[in-house]
């Protein structure tokens, strides 16, 4: 897991890069949590689109994925 601020300054979101992601492959996923949503982005396109999930939906996804 790697923490990376999204922008300079104290108010930036702290993005967490998946331990399954590598800089060599196409699978580079980062997440960050806010009180209202969990955001997911492609770390190779940090300024690109972000997927916003309700915290309960994220918890359901993590539970599902951890069983696979």
C-alpha atoms as a PDB file:
ATOM      1  CA  UNK A   1       0.000   0.000   0.000  1.00  0.00           C
ATOM      2  CA  UNK A   2       1.284   3.445  -0.927  1.00  0.00           C
ATOM      3  CA  UNK A   3      -0.133   6.756   0.287  1.00  0.00           C
ATOM      4  CA  UNK A   4       0.058   9.633  -2.142  1.00  0.00           C
ATOM      5  CA  UNK A   5      -1.461  13.129  -1.756  1.00  0.00           C
ATOM      6  CA  UNK A   6      -3.526  14.173  -4.767  1.00  0.00           C
ATOM      7  CA  UNK A   7      -2.348  17.778  -4.634  1.00  0.00           C
ATOM      8  CA  UNK A   8       0.067  19.947  -2.665  1.00  0.00           C
ATOM      9  CA  UNK A   9      -1.243  21.461   0.557  1.00  0.00           C
ATOM     10  CA  UNK A  10      -2.921  20.265   3.715  1.00  0.00           C
ATOM     11  CA  UNK A  11      -6.440  19.712   2.342  1.00  0.00           C
ATOM     12  CA  UNK A  12      -5.503  17.154  -0.326  1.00  0.00           C
ATOM     13  CA  UNK A  13      -7.012  13.704  -0.369  1.00  0.00           C
ATOM     14  CA  UNK A  14      -4.683  10.851   0.578  1.00  0.00           C
ATOM     15  CA  UNK A  15      -4.867   8.209  -2.164  1.00  0.00           C
ATOM     16  CA  UNK A  16      -3.964   4.603  -1.372  1.00  0.00           C
ATOM     17  CA  UNK A  17      -2.519   2.523  -4.204  1.00  0.00           C
ATOM     18  CA  UNK A  18      -3.520  -1.123  -4.291  1.00  0.00           C
ATOM     19  CA  UNK A  19      -0.783  -3.531  -3.260  1.00  0.00           C
ATOM     20  CA  UNK A  20      -1.824  -5.606  -6.298  1.00  0.00           C
ATOM     21  CA  UNK A  21      -1.047  -2.713  -8.644  1.00  0.00           C
ATOM     22  CA  UNK A  22       2.357  -2.275 -10.200  1.00  0.00           C
ATOM     23  CA  UNK A  23       3.951   0.446 -12.238  1.00  0.00           C
ATOM     24  CA  UNK A  24       4.727  -2.108 -14.940  1.00  0.00           C
ATOM     25  CA  UNK A  25       1.200  -3.269 -15.721  1.00  0.00           C
ATOM     26  CA  UNK A  26      -2.120  -1.753 -16.742  1.00  0.00           C
ATOM     27  CA  UNK A  27      -3.790  -2.463 -13.379  1.00  0.00           C
ATOM     28  CA  UNK A  28      -3.122   0.569 -11.213  1.00  0.00           C
ATOM     29  CA  UNK A  29      -5.961   1.379  -8.858  1.00  0.00           C
ATOM     30  CA  UNK A  30      -6.019   3.949  -6.075  1.00  0.00           C
ATOM     31  CA  UNK A  31      -8.735   4.728  -3.556  1.00  0.00           C
ATOM     32  CA  UNK A  32      -9.513   7.423  -1.032  1.00  0.00           C
ATOM     33  CA  UNK A  33     -12.345   7.802   1.441  1.00  0.00           C
ATOM     34  CA  UNK A  34     -14.405  10.860   2.257  1.00  0.00           C
ATOM     35  CA  UNK A  35     -17.301  10.974   4.713  1.00  0.00           C
ATOM     36  CA  UNK A  36     -19.777  10.655   1.822  1.00  0.00           C
ATOM     37  CA  UNK A  37     -18.034   8.292  -0.605  1.00  0.00           C
ATOM     38  CA  UNK A  38     -15.119   6.053  -1.458  1.00  0.00           C
ATOM     39  CA  UNK A  39     -13.418   7.288  -4.627  1.00  0.00           C
ATOM     40  CA  UNK A  40     -11.608   4.980  -7.051  1.00  0.00           C
ATOM     41  CA  UNK A  41      -9.279   6.115  -9.842  1.00  0.00           C
ATOM     42  CA  UNK A  42      -6.665   4.881 -12.287  1.00  0.00           C
ATOM     43  CA  UNK A  43      -3.306   5.902 -10.822  1.00  0.00           C
ATOM     44  CA  UNK A  44      -1.862   6.329 -14.310  1.00  0.00           C
ATOM     45  CA  UNK A  45      -4.524   8.975 -15.020  1.00  0.00           C
ATOM     46  CA  UNK A  46      -4.788  10.797 -11.688  1.00  0.00           C
ATOM     47  CA  UNK A  47      -6.660  13.758 -13.192  1.00  0.00           C
ATOM     48  CA  UNK A  48      -9.071  11.487 -15.062  1.00  0.00           C
ATOM     49  CA  UNK A  49     -12.495  10.229 -14.055  1.00  0.00           C
ATOM     50  CA  UNK A  50     -13.193   8.853 -10.597  1.00  0.00           C
ATOM     51  CA  UNK A  51     -15.765   6.310  -9.553  1.00  0.00           C
ATOM     52  CA  UNK A  52     -17.661   7.329  -6.400  1.00  0.00           C
ATOM     53  CA  UNK A  53     -19.210   4.595  -4.273  1.00  0.00           C
ATOM     54  CA  UNK A  54     -21.307   4.830  -1.134  1.00  0.00           C
ATOM     55  CA  UNK A  55     -19.309   3.498   1.828  1.00  0.00           C
ATOM     56  CA  UNK A  56     -21.762   0.586   2.188  1.00  0.00           C
ATOM     57  CA  UNK A  57     -21.367  -0.337  -1.483  1.00  0.00           C
ATOM     58  CA  UNK A  58     -17.567  -0.267  -1.094  1.00  0.00           C
ATOM     59  CA  UNK A  59     -17.771  -2.500   1.993  1.00  0.00           C
ATOM     60  CA  UNK A  60     -19.962  -4.959   0.056  1.00  0.00           C
ATOM     61  CA  UNK A  61     -17.476  -4.971  -2.843  1.00  0.00           C
ATOM     62  CA  UNK A  62     -14.475  -5.559  -0.557  1.00  0.00           C
ATOM     63  CA  UNK A  63     -16.275  -8.421   1.198  1.00  0.00           C
ATOM     64  CA  UNK A  64     -17.145  -9.970  -2.177  1.00  0.00           C
ATOM     65  CA  UNK A  65     -13.642  -9.513  -3.630  1.00  0.00           C
ATOM     66  CA  UNK A  66     -11.936 -10.940  -0.550  1.00  0.00           C
ATOM     67  CA  UNK A  67     -13.820 -14.207  -1.061  1.00  0.00           C
ATOM     68  CA  UNK A  68     -12.422 -14.606  -4.588  1.00  0.00           C
END
